[in-house]
Amino acid sequence: MKILILGLPRSGTTSLIKGIQKQKYHAIIEPFNGGLQNAVEREYPLDDFDVHNNLVVKSIINQKPINYSGHWHDFNLEFIPLFDKLIFLDRRDFDSHYSSVVNLWYRISRDETTMQAWADEDVPLDFIKGYELGGGKDKLYKEKESFRQLLSKIGQSDNIIYYEDLYGSDRDKSLQIINDLNLKDIDSIKLNEYLDPSNKLYRGNKRQLL
């Protein structure tokens, strides 16, 4: 089975692909992100499709191959049909999402790993103000809207999975979400346990997964 995880930055895509990878899946993380730490941008089409039967790809909105001249929407309209299962991720709480994105870009600006424990107070106030003055909040609003426009084009507007539900304290609810995906060769209970926020720590004591 071939699975695509497509979502906003900081919506839980990384933890999800790693959880699926644990179940003997070949994982490709952001193949079209040339700026990803310790990664080399991949050429399209991906050769892995011909090599691996169990394949999971994680991509973030706006990403497209370097040799693709069209809009990222157009690329995904071509890319999405290659997969058997589609998982779309976003966050419901805008303020929490925005804080996580600010932290992401602060870490990137310092050439630090983005996969580490963090708290709001770690980010200097001048960076927070500068990021907002540079249009950071408006950018996130627009990305969310653009994501929904893409999903509307493919009739998937109602199929967004929210971070708060997949990684929340109600693990029965998250298990039901995973079961509803009908990933036939994935052990839903094991995946749900892997995604349990008590197992990961990114934001102080609030345990955010990426």
N, C-alpha and C. Protein backbone atom coordinates (compact mmCIF):
# COMPACT_ATOMS: atom_id res chain seq x y z
N MET A 1 0.85 -1.20 0.00
CA MET A 1 0.00 0.00 0.00
C MET A 1 0.88 1.24 0.00
N LYS A 2 0.45 2.24 -0.74
CA LYS A 2 1.17 3.51 -0.81
C LYS A 2 0.33 4.60 -0.15
N ILE A 3 0.94 5.30 0.81
CA ILE A 3 0.23 6.27 1.64
C ILE A 3 0.86 7.64 1.46
N LEU A 4 0.03 8.65 1.30
CA LEU A 4 0.50 10.04 1.27
C LEU A 4 -0.01 10.77 2.50
N ILE A 5 0.91 11.42 3.21
CA ILE A 5 0.57 12.32 4.31
C ILE A 5 0.85 13.73 3.82
N LEU A 6 -0.18 14.55 3.74
CA LEU A 6 -0.04 15.92 3.27
C LEU A 6 -0.62 16.86 4.31
N GLY A 7 0.13 17.86 4.70
CA GLY A 7 -0.39 18.74 5.73
C GLY A 7 0.34 20.06 5.84
N LEU A 8 -0.09 20.83 6.82
CA LEU A 8 0.55 22.10 7.16
C LEU A 8 1.81 21.84 7.97
N PRO A 9 2.76 22.78 7.98
CA PRO A 9 3.89 22.64 8.90
C PRO A 9 3.39 22.54 10.33
N ARG A 10 4.05 21.74 11.13
CA ARG A 10 3.74 21.59 12.55
C ARG A 10 2.32 21.07 12.80
N SER A 11 1.89 20.15 11.96
CA SER A 11 0.55 19.57 12.15
C SER A 11 0.61 18.09 12.53
N GLY A 12 1.82 17.60 12.84
CA GLY A 12 1.96 16.22 13.26
C GLY A 12 2.36 15.26 12.16
N THR A 13 2.76 15.77 11.01
CA THR A 13 3.09 14.91 9.88
C THR A 13 4.32 14.05 10.14
N THR A 14 5.33 14.62 10.81
CA THR A 14 6.58 13.88 11.03
C THR A 14 6.37 12.69 11.95
N SER A 15 5.69 12.91 13.07
CA SER A 15 5.45 11.81 13.99
C SER A 15 4.61 10.72 13.35
N LEU A 16 3.64 11.11 12.53
CA LEU A 16 2.79 10.12 11.88
C LEU A 16 3.58 9.26 10.90
N ILE A 17 4.41 9.88 10.08
CA ILE A 17 5.16 9.07 9.12
C ILE A 17 6.16 8.16 9.83
N LYS A 18 6.73 8.62 10.93
CA LYS A 18 7.65 7.77 11.67
C LYS A 18 6.94 6.60 12.33
N GLY A 19 5.70 6.85 12.78
CA GLY A 19 4.92 5.76 13.36
C GLY A 19 4.58 4.70 12.33
N ILE A 20 4.24 5.14 11.12
CA ILE A 20 3.94 4.18 10.04
C ILE A 20 5.22 3.48 9.59
N GLN A 21 6.31 4.21 9.54
CA GLN A 21 7.60 3.62 9.15
C GLN A 21 7.98 2.48 10.09
N LYS A 22 7.63 2.59 11.35
CA LYS A 22 7.93 1.54 12.34
C LYS A 22 7.29 0.21 11.95
N GLN A 23 6.25 0.28 11.13
CA GLN A 23 5.53 -0.94 10.74
C GLN A 23 5.96 -1.41 9.35
N LYS A 24 7.26 -1.39 9.13
CA LYS A 24 7.91 -1.95 7.93
C LYS A 24 7.49 -1.24 6.65
N TYR A 25 7.37 0.08 6.75
CA TYR A 25 7.09 0.90 5.57
C TYR A 25 8.35 1.67 5.18
N HIS A 26 8.57 1.79 3.89
CA HIS A 26 9.63 2.66 3.39
C HIS A 26 9.10 4.09 3.43
N ALA A 27 9.81 4.96 4.13
CA ALA A 27 9.33 6.33 4.35
C ALA A 27 10.17 7.35 3.59
N ILE A 28 9.49 8.30 2.98
CA ILE A 28 10.15 9.43 2.31
C ILE A 28 9.61 10.70 2.93
N ILE A 29 10.48 11.46 3.58
CA ILE A 29 10.06 12.67 4.28
C ILE A 29 10.38 13.90 3.43
N GLU A 30 9.34 14.59 3.01
CA GLU A 30 9.45 15.84 2.25
C GLU A 30 10.45 15.73 1.09
N PRO A 31 10.17 14.90 0.12
CA PRO A 31 11.12 14.70 -0.98
C PRO A 31 11.34 15.94 -1.83
N PHE A 32 10.43 16.89 -1.76
CA PHE A 32 10.56 18.07 -2.62
C PHE A 32 10.87 19.33 -1.82
N ASN A 33 11.49 19.14 -0.66
CA ASN A 33 11.90 20.26 0.18
C ASN A 33 13.41 20.33 0.19
N GLY A 34 13.95 21.16 -0.67
CA GLY A 34 15.40 21.29 -0.76
C GLY A 34 16.03 21.91 0.47
N GLY A 35 15.22 22.59 1.29
CA GLY A 35 15.75 23.23 2.48
C GLY A 35 15.66 22.39 3.73
N LEU A 36 15.18 21.17 3.62
CA LEU A 36 15.04 20.30 4.79
C LEU A 36 16.42 19.95 5.34
N GLN A 37 16.54 20.01 6.67
CA GLN A 37 17.83 19.73 7.29
C GLN A 37 18.31 18.33 6.95
N ASN A 38 19.57 18.23 6.54
CA ASN A 38 20.22 16.95 6.26
C ASN A 38 19.51 16.16 5.16
N ALA A 39 18.93 16.86 4.19
CA ALA A 39 18.21 16.16 3.13
C ALA A 39 18.64 16.70 1.76
N VAL A 40 18.46 15.85 0.77
CA VAL A 40 18.73 16.24 -0.61
C VAL A 40 17.41 16.19 -1.36
N GLU A 41 17.08 17.26 -2.07
CA GLU A 41 15.81 17.29 -2.79
C GLU A 41 15.78 16.20 -3.85
N ARG A 42 14.65 15.50 -3.91
CA ARG A 42 14.51 14.37 -4.82
C ARG A 42 13.96 14.81 -6.17
N GLU A 43 14.34 14.04 -7.18
CA GLU A 43 13.78 14.27 -8.51
C GLU A 43 12.43 13.58 -8.63
N TYR A 44 11.61 14.13 -9.50
CA TYR A 44 10.28 13.56 -9.74
C TYR A 44 10.22 13.07 -11.18
N PRO A 45 9.60 11.88 -11.40
CA PRO A 45 8.91 11.01 -10.44
C PRO A 45 9.88 10.26 -9.54
N LEU A 46 9.34 9.82 -8.39
CA LEU A 46 10.15 9.13 -7.40
C LEU A 46 10.39 7.68 -7.81
N ASP A 47 11.65 7.27 -7.86
CA ASP A 47 11.99 5.90 -8.23
C ASP A 47 11.45 4.88 -7.23
N ASP A 48 11.26 5.32 -5.97
CA ASP A 48 10.84 4.40 -4.90
C ASP A 48 9.51 3.72 -5.21
N PHE A 49 8.67 4.34 -6.02
CA PHE A 49 7.37 3.76 -6.33
C PHE A 49 7.51 2.40 -7.01
N ASP A 50 8.58 2.22 -7.76
CA ASP A 50 8.79 0.97 -8.48
C ASP A 50 9.53 -0.07 -7.65
N VAL A 51 10.02 0.33 -6.48
CA VAL A 51 10.86 -0.55 -5.67
C VAL A 51 10.14 -1.08 -4.44
N HIS A 52 9.29 -0.25 -3.83
CA HIS A 52 8.68 -0.59 -2.54
C HIS A 52 7.16 -0.72 -2.67
N ASN A 53 6.65 -1.85 -2.22
CA ASN A 53 5.20 -2.03 -2.19
C ASN A 53 4.55 -1.25 -1.06
N ASN A 54 5.20 -1.26 0.11
CA ASN A 54 4.72 -0.50 1.26
C ASN A 54 5.53 0.78 1.37
N LEU A 55 4.90 1.88 0.99
CA LEU A 55 5.58 3.17 0.87
C LEU A 55 4.73 4.26 1.49
N VAL A 56 5.35 5.13 2.29
CA VAL A 56 4.64 6.27 2.85
C VAL A 56 5.46 7.52 2.58
N VAL A 57 4.80 8.55 2.07
CA VAL A 57 5.44 9.82 1.74
C VAL A 57 4.79 10.91 2.56
N LYS A 58 5.62 11.76 3.15
CA LYS A 58 5.12 12.94 3.85
C LYS A 58 5.51 14.18 3.06
N SER A 59 4.54 15.04 2.80
CA SER A 59 4.81 16.29 2.10
C SER A 59 4.07 17.43 2.80
N ILE A 60 4.62 18.61 2.68
CA ILE A 60 4.02 19.81 3.27
C ILE A 60 3.49 20.69 2.15
N ILE A 61 2.38 21.37 2.41
CA ILE A 61 1.79 22.20 1.37
C ILE A 61 2.81 23.21 0.85
N ASN A 62 2.65 23.58 -0.38
CA ASN A 62 3.51 24.50 -1.14
C ASN A 62 4.73 23.79 -1.72
N GLN A 63 5.02 22.57 -1.29
CA GLN A 63 6.18 21.87 -1.82
C GLN A 63 5.86 21.20 -3.15
N LYS A 64 6.82 21.30 -4.05
CA LYS A 64 6.69 20.66 -5.37
C LYS A 64 8.10 20.41 -5.90
N PRO A 65 8.24 19.52 -6.87
CA PRO A 65 9.58 19.24 -7.41
C PRO A 65 10.21 20.48 -8.02
N ILE A 66 11.53 20.54 -7.94
CA ILE A 66 12.24 21.70 -8.47
C ILE A 66 12.07 21.83 -9.98
N ASN A 67 11.80 20.70 -10.62
CA ASN A 67 11.64 20.72 -12.08
C ASN A 67 10.18 20.84 -12.51
N TYR A 68 9.30 21.20 -11.54
CA TYR A 68 7.88 21.37 -11.86
C TYR A 68 7.56 22.86 -11.88
N SER A 69 7.12 23.37 -13.01
CA SER A 69 6.94 24.81 -13.17
C SER A 69 5.57 25.32 -12.73
N GLY A 70 4.60 24.43 -12.59
CA GLY A 70 3.25 24.86 -12.25
C GLY A 70 3.05 25.12 -10.78
N HIS A 71 1.82 25.44 -10.40
CA HIS A 71 1.44 25.70 -9.01
C HIS A 71 1.48 24.39 -8.23
N TRP A 72 1.72 24.48 -6.92
CA TRP A 72 1.77 23.25 -6.10
C TRP A 72 0.43 22.54 -6.11
N HIS A 73 -0.66 23.26 -6.28
CA HIS A 73 -1.98 22.62 -6.43
C HIS A 73 -1.96 21.68 -7.63
N ASP A 74 -1.48 22.18 -8.75
CA ASP A 74 -1.47 21.39 -9.97
C ASP A 74 -0.60 20.15 -9.81
N PHE A 75 0.54 20.33 -9.15
CA PHE A 75 1.40 19.16 -8.93
C PHE A 75 0.67 18.11 -8.09
N ASN A 76 0.02 18.51 -7.03
CA ASN A 76 -0.65 17.54 -6.17
C ASN A 76 -1.86 16.89 -6.84
N LEU A 77 -2.49 17.58 -7.76
CA LEU A 77 -3.57 16.95 -8.52
C LEU A 77 -3.03 15.80 -9.37
N GLU A 78 -1.76 15.87 -9.71
CA GLU A 78 -1.08 14.80 -10.45
C GLU A 78 -0.50 13.75 -9.50
N PHE A 79 -0.01 14.20 -8.35
CA PHE A 79 0.70 13.34 -7.41
C PHE A 79 -0.25 12.49 -6.56
N ILE A 80 -1.32 13.09 -6.08
CA ILE A 80 -2.24 12.42 -5.16
C ILE A 80 -2.81 11.12 -5.71
N PRO A 81 -3.21 11.05 -6.99
CA PRO A 81 -3.78 9.79 -7.50
C PRO A 81 -2.82 8.60 -7.52
N LEU A 82 -1.54 8.83 -7.27
CA LEU A 82 -0.58 7.74 -7.26
C LEU A 82 -0.68 6.90 -5.98
N PHE A 83 -1.45 7.38 -5.00
CA PHE A 83 -1.47 6.74 -3.68
C PHE A 83 -2.79 6.01 -3.45
N ASP A 84 -2.67 4.96 -2.62
CA ASP A 84 -3.86 4.18 -2.24
C ASP A 84 -4.61 4.83 -1.10
N LYS A 85 -3.87 5.49 -0.18
CA LYS A 85 -4.48 6.12 0.98
C LYS A 85 -3.95 7.54 1.13
N LEU A 86 -4.84 8.44 1.51
CA LEU A 86 -4.51 9.85 1.68
C LEU A 86 -4.80 10.27 3.10
N ILE A 87 -3.85 10.98 3.73
CA ILE A 87 -4.04 11.49 5.08
C ILE A 87 -3.72 12.98 5.06
N PHE A 88 -4.69 13.80 5.42
CA PHE A 88 -4.53 15.25 5.40
C PHE A 88 -4.56 15.78 6.83
N LEU A 89 -3.52 16.55 7.21
CA LEU A 89 -3.38 17.01 8.58
C LEU A 89 -3.34 18.54 8.68
N ASP A 90 -4.00 19.05 9.71
CA ASP A 90 -3.98 20.47 10.04
C ASP A 90 -4.17 20.59 11.55
N ARG A 91 -4.16 21.80 12.05
CA ARG A 91 -4.45 22.05 13.46
C ARG A 91 -5.66 22.95 13.58
N ARG A 92 -6.48 22.68 14.57
CA ARG A 92 -7.71 23.45 14.78
C ARG A 92 -7.43 24.75 15.52
N ASP A 93 -6.54 24.70 16.51
CA ASP A 93 -6.22 25.86 17.35
C ASP A 93 -5.18 26.72 16.64
N PHE A 94 -5.62 27.84 16.08
CA PHE A 94 -4.71 28.67 15.28
C PHE A 94 -3.57 29.22 16.12
N ASP A 95 -3.87 29.72 17.33
CA ASP A 95 -2.83 30.36 18.14
C ASP A 95 -1.72 29.38 18.51
N SER A 96 -2.10 28.17 18.90
CA SER A 96 -1.11 27.16 19.24
C SER A 96 -0.31 26.76 18.00
N HIS A 97 -0.99 26.65 16.89
CA HIS A 97 -0.33 26.31 15.62
C HIS A 97 0.68 27.39 15.26
N TYR A 98 0.25 28.65 15.36
CA TYR A 98 1.13 29.76 15.01
C TYR A 98 2.37 29.79 15.91
N SER A 99 2.18 29.57 17.20
CA SER A 99 3.32 29.57 18.13
C SER A 99 4.33 28.49 17.75
N SER A 100 3.82 27.34 17.34
CA SER A 100 4.70 26.24 16.95
C SER A 100 5.46 26.58 15.67
N VAL A 101 4.79 27.24 14.73
CA VAL A 101 5.44 27.64 13.49
C VAL A 101 6.52 28.68 13.76
N VAL A 102 6.23 29.64 14.65
CA VAL A 102 7.24 30.65 15.01
C VAL A 102 8.47 29.96 15.59
N ASN A 103 8.26 29.00 16.47
CA ASN A 103 9.38 28.26 17.04
C ASN A 103 10.17 27.53 15.97
N LEU A 104 9.44 26.95 15.01
CA LEU A 104 10.10 26.26 13.89
C LEU A 104 11.06 27.19 13.17
N TRP A 105 10.58 28.37 12.81
CA TRP A 105 11.41 29.28 12.05
C TRP A 105 12.53 29.91 12.89
N TYR A 106 12.30 30.02 14.17
CA TYR A 106 13.37 30.49 15.06
C TYR A 106 14.49 29.45 15.08
N ARG A 107 14.14 28.18 15.20
CA ARG A 107 15.16 27.13 15.20
C ARG A 107 15.90 27.10 13.88
N ILE A 108 15.15 27.23 12.79
CA ILE A 108 15.78 27.22 11.47
C ILE A 108 16.74 28.39 11.32
N SER A 109 16.34 29.57 11.82
CA SER A 109 17.18 30.77 11.71
C SER A 109 18.49 30.61 12.45
N ARG A 110 18.51 29.73 13.45
CA ARG A 110 19.71 29.48 14.24
C ARG A 110 20.43 28.20 13.81
N ASP A 111 19.92 27.60 12.74
CA ASP A 111 20.49 26.35 12.23
C ASP A 111 20.51 25.27 13.30
N GLU A 112 19.43 25.22 14.09
CA GLU A 112 19.27 24.22 15.13
C GLU A 112 18.29 23.16 14.67
N THR A 113 18.37 21.99 15.27
CA THR A 113 17.39 20.97 14.95
C THR A 113 16.00 21.44 15.38
N THR A 114 15.02 21.12 14.57
CA THR A 114 13.64 21.49 14.90
C THR A 114 12.95 20.40 15.72
N MET A 115 13.64 19.29 15.94
CA MET A 115 13.06 18.17 16.66
C MET A 115 13.62 18.14 18.08
N GLN A 116 13.15 19.06 18.90
CA GLN A 116 13.63 19.14 20.27
C GLN A 116 12.55 19.74 21.16
N ALA A 117 12.71 19.52 22.46
CA ALA A 117 11.77 20.10 23.42
C ALA A 117 11.82 21.62 23.33
N TRP A 118 10.68 22.26 23.47
CA TRP A 118 10.65 23.71 23.38
C TRP A 118 9.50 24.28 24.19
N ALA A 119 9.62 25.56 24.50
CA ALA A 119 8.58 26.30 25.20
C ALA A 119 8.49 27.69 24.58
N ASP A 120 7.35 28.35 24.73
CA ASP A 120 7.15 29.66 24.12
C ASP A 120 8.24 30.64 24.52
N GLU A 121 8.67 30.56 25.78
CA GLU A 121 9.66 31.53 26.28
C GLU A 121 11.04 31.33 25.68
N ASP A 122 11.25 30.23 24.97
CA ASP A 122 12.54 30.01 24.31
C ASP A 122 12.78 30.98 23.16
N VAL A 123 11.70 31.48 22.59
CA VAL A 123 11.81 32.35 21.41
C VAL A 123 11.84 33.81 21.86
N PRO A 124 12.90 34.54 21.52
CA PRO A 124 13.00 35.95 21.94
C PRO A 124 11.83 36.78 21.42
N LEU A 125 11.41 37.74 22.23
CA LEU A 125 10.28 38.58 21.88
C LEU A 125 10.53 39.34 20.57
N ASP A 126 11.76 39.79 20.34
CA ASP A 126 12.03 40.55 19.12
C ASP A 126 11.86 39.66 17.88
N PHE A 127 12.19 38.36 18.00
CA PHE A 127 11.98 37.45 16.87
C PHE A 127 10.48 37.26 16.63
N ILE A 128 9.71 37.08 17.69
CA ILE A 128 8.26 36.90 17.57
C ILE A 128 7.63 38.11 16.90
N LYS A 129 8.01 39.31 17.36
CA LYS A 129 7.46 40.54 16.79
C LYS A 129 7.88 40.70 15.33
N GLY A 130 9.14 40.41 15.05
CA GLY A 130 9.63 40.54 13.69
C GLY A 130 8.95 39.56 12.74
N TYR A 131 8.72 38.34 13.21
CA TYR A 131 8.06 37.35 12.37
C TYR A 131 6.62 37.77 12.06
N GLU A 132 5.94 38.32 13.05
CA GLU A 132 4.56 38.76 12.82
C GLU A 132 4.53 39.99 11.91
N LEU A 133 5.44 40.94 12.13
CA LEU A 133 5.49 42.12 11.27
C LEU A 133 5.83 41.75 9.83
N GLY A 134 6.54 40.65 9.67
CA GLY A 134 6.88 40.18 8.33
C GLY A 134 5.75 39.41 7.66
N GLY A 135 4.61 39.33 8.32
CA GLY A 135 3.45 38.68 7.70
C GLY A 135 3.25 37.24 8.09
N GLY A 136 3.86 36.83 9.20
CA GLY A 136 3.80 35.43 9.59
C GLY A 136 2.39 34.90 9.82
N LYS A 137 1.57 35.66 10.53
CA LYS A 137 0.21 35.19 10.80
C LYS A 137 -0.62 35.12 9.52
N ASP A 138 -0.48 36.14 8.71
CA ASP A 138 -1.22 36.17 7.45
C ASP A 138 -0.81 35.00 6.55
N LYS A 139 0.47 34.67 6.59
CA LYS A 139 0.98 33.55 5.79
C LYS A 139 0.33 32.24 6.22
N LEU A 140 0.22 32.02 7.53
CA LEU A 140 -0.38 30.79 8.01
C LEU A 140 -1.87 30.73 7.66
N TYR A 141 -2.57 31.85 7.81
CA TYR A 141 -3.98 31.90 7.40
C TYR A 141 -4.13 31.51 5.93
N LYS A 142 -3.29 32.09 5.09
CA LYS A 142 -3.37 31.83 3.66
C LYS A 142 -3.03 30.39 3.32
N GLU A 143 -2.05 29.83 4.04
CA GLU A 143 -1.69 28.43 3.79
C GLU A 143 -2.85 27.50 4.13
N LYS A 144 -3.53 27.78 5.24
CA LYS A 144 -4.68 26.96 5.62
C LYS A 144 -5.78 27.05 4.57
N GLU A 145 -6.03 28.26 4.08
CA GLU A 145 -7.07 28.45 3.08
C GLU A 145 -6.68 27.77 1.76
N SER A 146 -5.41 27.89 1.37
CA SER A 146 -4.95 27.27 0.14
C SER A 146 -5.06 25.75 0.23
N PHE A 147 -4.76 25.21 1.39
CA PHE A 147 -4.88 23.76 1.62
C PHE A 147 -6.33 23.32 1.41
N ARG A 148 -7.26 24.06 1.97
CA ARG A 148 -8.67 23.72 1.82
C ARG A 148 -9.15 23.86 0.38
N GLN A 149 -8.60 24.81 -0.33
CA GLN A 149 -8.95 24.95 -1.74
C GLN A 149 -8.52 23.74 -2.53
N LEU A 150 -7.31 23.23 -2.24
CA LEU A 150 -6.83 22.02 -2.91
C LEU A 150 -7.75 20.85 -2.59
N LEU A 151 -8.07 20.66 -1.32
CA LEU A 151 -8.90 19.53 -0.92
C LEU A 151 -10.29 19.64 -1.52
N SER A 152 -10.78 20.85 -1.69
CA SER A 152 -12.09 21.04 -2.32
C SER A 152 -12.06 20.56 -3.77
N LYS A 153 -10.94 20.79 -4.44
CA LYS A 153 -10.82 20.38 -5.84
C LYS A 153 -10.90 18.86 -6.01
N ILE A 154 -10.48 18.13 -4.98
CA ILE A 154 -10.47 16.67 -5.10
C ILE A 154 -11.56 16.03 -4.24
N GLY A 155 -12.49 16.85 -3.75
CA GLY A 155 -13.61 16.32 -2.98
C GLY A 155 -13.23 15.76 -1.63
N GLN A 156 -12.20 16.34 -1.01
CA GLN A 156 -11.70 15.84 0.27
C GLN A 156 -11.81 16.88 1.39
N SER A 157 -12.64 17.88 1.20
CA SER A 157 -12.72 18.99 2.16
C SER A 157 -13.10 18.53 3.56
N ASP A 158 -13.87 17.47 3.66
CA ASP A 158 -14.35 17.00 4.96
C ASP A 158 -13.44 15.95 5.60
N ASN A 159 -12.28 15.72 4.99
CA ASN A 159 -11.44 14.62 5.45
C ASN A 159 -10.15 15.07 6.13
N ILE A 160 -10.11 16.31 6.61
CA ILE A 160 -8.95 16.78 7.34
C ILE A 160 -8.94 16.14 8.73
N ILE A 161 -7.78 15.64 9.13
CA ILE A 161 -7.59 15.14 10.49
C ILE A 161 -6.86 16.22 11.28
N TYR A 162 -7.40 16.55 12.43
CA TYR A 162 -6.82 17.63 13.22
C TYR A 162 -5.86 17.09 14.27
N TYR A 163 -4.77 17.79 14.40
CA TYR A 163 -3.72 17.47 15.36
C TYR A 163 -4.28 17.23 16.74
N GLU A 164 -5.20 18.10 17.16
CA GLU A 164 -5.74 18.01 18.52
C GLU A 164 -6.49 16.70 18.75
N ASP A 165 -7.03 16.11 17.67
CA ASP A 165 -7.76 14.85 17.79
C ASP A 165 -6.83 13.65 17.71
N LEU A 166 -5.84 13.72 16.82
CA LEU A 166 -4.94 12.59 16.62
C LEU A 166 -3.93 12.47 17.76
N TYR A 167 -3.54 13.61 18.33
CA TYR A 167 -2.52 13.61 19.38
C TYR A 167 -3.07 14.08 20.73
N GLY A 168 -4.37 14.10 20.87
CA GLY A 168 -4.98 14.57 22.10
C GLY A 168 -4.98 13.53 23.21
N SER A 169 -5.50 13.93 24.36
CA SER A 169 -5.53 13.04 25.53
C SER A 169 -6.56 11.92 25.39
N ASP A 170 -7.55 12.11 24.52
CA ASP A 170 -8.56 11.07 24.30
C ASP A 170 -8.01 10.06 23.30
N ARG A 171 -7.35 9.02 23.81
CA ARG A 171 -6.69 8.06 22.93
C ARG A 171 -7.68 7.11 22.27
N ASP A 172 -8.88 6.99 22.83
CA ASP A 172 -9.92 6.20 22.15
C ASP A 172 -10.38 6.92 20.88
N LYS A 173 -10.47 8.25 20.96
CA LYS A 173 -10.87 9.04 19.79
C LYS A 173 -9.81 8.94 18.70
N SER A 174 -8.55 9.04 19.09
CA SER A 174 -7.48 8.95 18.09
C SER A 174 -7.43 7.56 17.47
N LEU A 175 -7.69 6.54 18.26
CA LEU A 175 -7.72 5.18 17.72
C LEU A 175 -8.83 5.02 16.70
N GLN A 176 -9.98 5.63 16.96
CA GLN A 176 -11.08 5.56 16.01
C GLN A 176 -10.72 6.25 14.70
N ILE A 177 -10.01 7.38 14.81
CA ILE A 177 -9.57 8.09 13.61
C ILE A 177 -8.65 7.20 12.77
N ILE A 178 -7.72 6.54 13.43
CA ILE A 178 -6.79 5.65 12.73
C ILE A 178 -7.54 4.48 12.11
N ASN A 179 -8.46 3.90 12.86
CA ASN A 179 -9.26 2.79 12.33
C ASN A 179 -10.05 3.22 11.10
N ASP A 180 -10.59 4.43 11.13
CA ASP A 180 -11.40 4.93 10.01
C ASP A 180 -10.57 5.12 8.73
N LEU A 181 -9.26 5.25 8.88
CA LEU A 181 -8.39 5.37 7.70
C LEU A 181 -8.30 4.04 6.94
N ASN A 182 -8.63 2.96 7.63
CA ASN A 182 -8.65 1.63 7.00
C ASN A 182 -7.30 1.29 6.36
N LEU A 183 -6.25 1.45 7.17
CA LEU A 183 -4.91 1.08 6.73
C LEU A 183 -4.72 -0.41 7.03
N LYS A 184 -5.06 -1.24 6.08
CA LYS A 184 -5.27 -2.66 6.32
C LYS A 184 -4.05 -3.40 6.85
N ASP A 185 -2.85 -2.99 6.45
CA ASP A 185 -1.67 -3.71 6.93
C ASP A 185 -0.95 -2.94 8.03
N ILE A 186 -1.64 -1.99 8.66
CA ILE A 186 -1.10 -1.23 9.78
C ILE A 186 -1.82 -1.66 11.05
N ASP A 187 -1.07 -1.92 12.10
CA ASP A 187 -1.65 -2.22 13.40
C ASP A 187 -2.08 -0.91 14.05
N SER A 188 -3.38 -0.65 14.06
CA SER A 188 -3.90 0.63 14.55
C SER A 188 -3.56 0.87 16.02
N ILE A 189 -3.60 -0.18 16.82
CA ILE A 189 -3.32 -0.02 18.24
C ILE A 189 -1.86 0.39 18.46
N LYS A 190 -0.96 -0.25 17.76
CA LYS A 190 0.46 0.10 17.89
C LYS A 190 0.72 1.52 17.40
N LEU A 191 0.08 1.90 16.30
CA LEU A 191 0.28 3.25 15.78
C LEU A 191 -0.28 4.27 16.77
N ASN A 192 -1.43 3.99 17.33
CA ASN A 192 -2.03 4.90 18.30
C ASN A 192 -1.13 5.06 19.53
N GLU A 193 -0.54 3.96 19.97
CA GLU A 193 0.37 4.02 21.11
C GLU A 193 1.61 4.86 20.78
N TYR A 194 2.11 4.71 19.55
CA TYR A 194 3.28 5.48 19.13
C TYR A 194 2.97 6.98 19.13
N LEU A 195 1.76 7.33 18.74
CA LEU A 195 1.37 8.75 18.63
C LEU A 195 0.92 9.34 19.95
N ASP A 196 0.84 8.54 20.99
CA ASP A 196 0.42 9.02 22.31
C ASP A 196 1.33 10.17 22.74
N PRO A 197 0.77 11.34 23.07
CA PRO A 197 1.61 12.49 23.43
C PRO A 197 2.48 12.26 24.65
N SER A 198 2.15 11.27 25.47
CA SER A 198 2.98 11.00 26.64
C SER A 198 4.32 10.39 26.25
N ASN A 199 4.43 9.96 24.99
CA ASN A 199 5.67 9.33 24.53
C ASN A 199 6.62 10.31 23.87
N LYS A 200 6.17 11.53 23.61
CA LYS A 200 7.00 12.50 22.93
C LYS A 200 6.94 13.83 23.67
N LEU A 201 8.04 14.55 23.64
CA LEU A 201 8.07 15.84 24.33
C LEU A 201 8.76 16.87 23.43
N TYR A 202 7.99 17.85 22.99
CA TYR A 202 8.57 18.91 22.17
C TYR A 202 8.34 20.29 22.76
N ARG A 203 7.25 20.46 23.49
CA ARG A 203 6.95 21.81 23.99
C ARG A 203 6.79 21.76 25.50
N GLY A 204 7.90 21.95 26.22
CA GLY A 204 7.84 21.98 27.66
C GLY A 204 7.13 20.76 28.20
N ASN A 205 6.12 20.97 29.01
CA ASN A 205 5.36 19.87 29.59
C ASN A 205 4.10 19.56 28.80
N LYS A 206 3.89 20.25 27.68
CA LYS A 206 2.66 20.07 26.91
C LYS A 206 2.78 18.98 25.86
N ARG A 207 3.98 18.50 25.62
CA ARG A 207 4.20 17.33 24.77
C ARG A 207 3.59 17.47 23.38
N GLN A 208 4.22 18.27 22.57
CA GLN A 208 3.75 18.44 21.20
C GLN A 208 4.50 17.51 20.25
N LEU A 209 3.76 16.91 19.34
CA LEU A 209 4.35 16.08 18.31
C LEU A 209 4.34 16.86 17.00
N LEU A 210 5.30 16.55 16.13
CA LEU A 210 5.50 17.36 14.93
C LEU A 210 5.02 16.64 13.68
